[in-house]
Protein backbone atom coordinates (compact mmCIF):
# COMPACT_ATOMS: atom_id res chain seq x y z
CA MET A 1 0.00 0.00 0.00
CA ALA A 2 1.35 3.42 -0.93
CA ASN A 3 2.00 5.92 1.84
CA LYS A 4 0.62 9.48 1.92
CA LYS A 5 3.82 11.02 0.47
CA GLU A 6 3.78 8.58 -2.46
CA ASP A 7 0.06 9.25 -3.01
CA ALA A 8 0.71 13.00 -3.05
CA ASN A 9 3.57 12.55 -5.52
CA ILE A 10 1.39 10.43 -7.79
CA SER A 11 -1.46 12.96 -7.56
CA HIS A 12 1.00 15.69 -8.44
CA TYR A 13 2.25 13.71 -11.42
CA CYS A 14 -1.36 13.16 -12.50
CA ALA A 15 -2.07 16.89 -12.28
CA ARG A 16 1.05 17.64 -14.33
CA SER A 17 -0.05 15.06 -16.91
CA LEU A 18 -3.61 16.35 -17.06
CA ALA A 19 -2.91 20.09 -17.16
CA PRO A 20 -1.61 20.42 -20.75
CA HIS A 21 -4.48 18.36 -22.15
CA VAL A 22 -7.13 20.41 -20.36
CA ALA A 23 -5.41 23.59 -21.57
CA SER A 24 -5.33 22.20 -25.11
CA LEU A 25 -9.03 21.34 -24.89
CA ASN A 26 -9.90 24.88 -23.81
CA LYS A 27 -7.72 26.45 -26.51
CA SER A 28 -9.09 24.23 -29.28
CA ALA A 29 -12.68 24.83 -28.15
CA SER A 30 -12.10 28.59 -28.26
CA ASN A 31 -10.67 28.22 -31.76
CA ILE A 32 -13.78 26.32 -32.90
CA LEU A 33 -15.86 29.39 -32.14
CA LYS A 34 -13.60 31.42 -34.42
CA ARG A 35 -13.85 28.61 -37.02
CA ASN A 36 -10.27 29.01 -38.16
CA ASN A 37 -9.80 25.54 -39.59
CA ILE A 38 -11.19 22.03 -39.51
CA GLU A 39 -8.34 20.77 -37.36
CA ASP A 40 -9.73 22.51 -34.27
CA ILE A 41 -12.49 19.92 -33.92
CA HIS A 42 -9.90 17.19 -34.37
CA ASP A 43 -7.75 18.83 -31.68
CA VAL A 44 -10.69 18.89 -29.24
CA ARG A 45 -11.30 15.19 -29.82
CA VAL A 46 -7.60 14.36 -29.36
CA ALA A 47 -7.43 16.38 -26.13
CA THR A 48 -10.52 14.64 -24.75
CA ARG A 49 -9.12 11.20 -25.54
CA ARG A 50 -5.87 12.11 -23.81
CA ILE A 51 -7.72 13.45 -20.79
CA ARG A 52 -9.74 10.24 -20.61
CA ALA A 53 -6.52 8.20 -20.71
CA VAL A 54 -5.03 10.17 -17.81
CA LEU A 55 -8.28 9.92 -15.83
CA ALA A 56 -8.40 6.16 -16.37
CA SER A 57 -4.75 5.68 -15.43
CA PHE A 58 -4.91 7.75 -12.26
CA ALA A 59 -8.51 7.17 -11.14
CA ASP A 60 -7.36 5.93 -7.71
CA TYR A 61 -5.56 9.23 -7.03
CA LEU A 62 -8.29 11.59 -8.17
CA PRO A 63 -11.26 12.88 -6.16
CA GLU A 64 -13.42 9.78 -5.97
CA LYS A 65 -16.76 11.57 -6.24
CA LYS A 66 -15.65 13.65 -9.23
CA VAL A 67 -13.66 11.28 -11.44
CA LYS A 68 -16.70 9.32 -12.64
CA ALA A 69 -18.52 12.48 -13.69
CA TRP A 70 -15.38 13.88 -15.30
CA ARG A 71 -14.87 10.73 -17.37
CA ARG A 72 -18.52 10.65 -18.44
CA ASP A 73 -18.56 14.33 -19.41
CA ILE A 74 -15.28 14.14 -21.31
CA LYS A 75 -16.51 11.08 -23.22
CA LYS A 76 -19.66 13.00 -24.20
CA ILE A 77 -17.50 15.80 -25.58
CA THR A 78 -15.49 13.33 -27.69
CA GLN A 79 -18.66 11.78 -29.08
CA SER A 80 -20.52 15.04 -29.70
CA TYR A 81 -17.91 16.27 -32.18
CA GLY A 82 -17.55 12.97 -34.07
CA LYS A 83 -20.12 13.50 -36.82
CA VAL A 84 -19.05 17.11 -37.38
CA ARG A 85 -15.44 15.99 -37.74
CA ASP A 86 -16.49 13.29 -40.22
CA LEU A 87 -18.31 15.87 -42.36
CA ASP A 88 -15.30 18.21 -42.25
CA VAL A 89 -12.97 15.44 -43.40
CA GLN A 90 -15.35 14.37 -46.18
CA LEU A 91 -15.69 17.95 -47.43
CA ASP A 92 -11.94 18.44 -47.34
CA LEU A 93 -11.38 15.27 -49.38
CA LEU A 94 -14.08 16.22 -51.89
CA ASN A 95 -12.50 19.64 -52.35
CA LYS A 96 -9.12 18.05 -53.08
CA VAL A 97 -10.62 15.56 -55.53
CA TYR A 98 -12.63 18.34 -57.18
CA GLU A 99 -9.53 20.50 -57.64
CA SER A 100 -7.55 17.65 -59.18
CA THR A 101 -10.30 16.60 -61.63
CA THR A 102 -10.76 18.06 -65.10
CA ASP A 103 -13.67 15.88 -66.29
CA SER A 104 -16.70 18.21 -66.40
CA LYS A 105 -19.26 15.43 -65.74
CA LEU A 106 -17.31 14.26 -62.72
CA ARG A 107 -16.86 17.83 -61.48
CA SER A 108 -20.63 18.37 -61.77
CA GLY A 109 -21.32 15.34 -59.58
CA LEU A 110 -18.64 16.37 -57.11
CA ARG A 111 -20.17 19.86 -56.88
CA ARG A 112 -23.53 18.30 -56.05
CA LEU A 113 -21.94 16.09 -53.37
CA LYS A 114 -20.09 19.09 -51.93
CA LEU A 115 -23.35 21.03 -51.81
CA ARG A 116 -25.16 18.27 -49.92
CA LEU A 117 -22.31 17.78 -47.45
CA SER A 118 -22.00 21.54 -46.97
CA GLN A 119 -25.71 21.74 -46.20
CA LYS A 120 -25.42 18.96 -43.63
CA ARG A 121 -22.38 20.64 -42.10
CA LYS A 122 -24.16 24.00 -41.95
CA LYS A 123 -27.09 22.40 -40.11
CA ARG A 124 -24.69 21.01 -37.52
CA GLN A 125 -22.83 24.30 -37.05
CA GLU A 126 -25.37 25.83 -34.68
CA ASN A 127 -25.29 22.71 -32.51
CA THR A 128 -21.48 22.76 -32.63
CA THR A 129 -21.38 26.37 -31.48
CA THR A 130 -23.81 25.65 -28.65
CA ARG A 131 -21.89 22.54 -27.58
CA THR A 132 -18.59 24.43 -27.66
CA ASN A 133 -19.96 27.21 -25.46
CA GLN A 134 -21.21 24.57 -23.04
CA LEU A 135 -17.80 22.88 -23.07
CA LEU A 136 -16.03 26.13 -22.22
CA GLN A 137 -18.37 26.60 -19.23
CA SER A 138 -18.46 22.92 -18.23
CA ALA A 139 -18.47 22.24 -14.51
CA SER A 140 -16.24 19.21 -15.07
CA ILE A 141 -13.60 21.25 -16.89
CA ILE A 142 -13.73 23.96 -14.20
CA GLU A 143 -13.48 21.33 -11.43
CA MET A 144 -10.55 19.63 -13.16
CA ASN A 145 -8.73 22.95 -13.49
CA THR A 146 -9.39 23.72 -9.82
CA TRP A 147 -8.11 20.29 -8.76
CA ILE A 148 -5.03 20.62 -10.99
CA GLU A 149 -4.17 24.06 -9.61
CA ALA A 150 -4.69 22.96 -6.00
CA THR A 151 -2.61 19.82 -6.46
CA LEU A 152 0.23 21.59 -8.27
CA SER A 153 0.34 24.36 -5.66
CA GLN A 154 1.15 21.80 -2.93
CA PHE A 155 4.66 21.25 -4.32
CA PRO A 156 7.48 23.65 -5.03
CA LYS A 157 8.53 23.28 -8.68
CA ASP A 158 11.31 20.71 -8.37
CA GLU A 159 10.31 18.88 -5.19
CA VAL A 160 8.49 15.96 -6.79
CA ASN A 161 10.10 12.55 -6.34
CA ILE A 162 8.47 9.70 -8.22
CA THR A 163 10.25 6.46 -7.44
């Protein structure tokens, strides 16, 4: 059984592991609202998967009552952006194929496909904006940040000893 000092060191390591992914999630979510590029949604999904991996690995060292909710909420975020990401990737591929094609009949069909996918994507945009605003104000994200800050503040910068 680990002693309290070892538990504190492991919790500190967990907080250090979790912090950049939560920061990345917040940054990518903010970028989605600006709609700079399609990679922002991908970046949100990557950050959530990394957060989930850290939460799963360190569940025994996280606040017991919170970790379940955090994992559930983060998983919902990952899932909620899946279809939007798929549409973005499909549109990107169609644009590349369209640009590289000279056959007018093929280009006509590709334009029609692009139109349909663009319409689907546009319908999802309002939901994506709403979901992103919710993510940025999520209680789970705020609680994780609070826990990370509190855990990191317990140690001077170079005093962590993981053995």
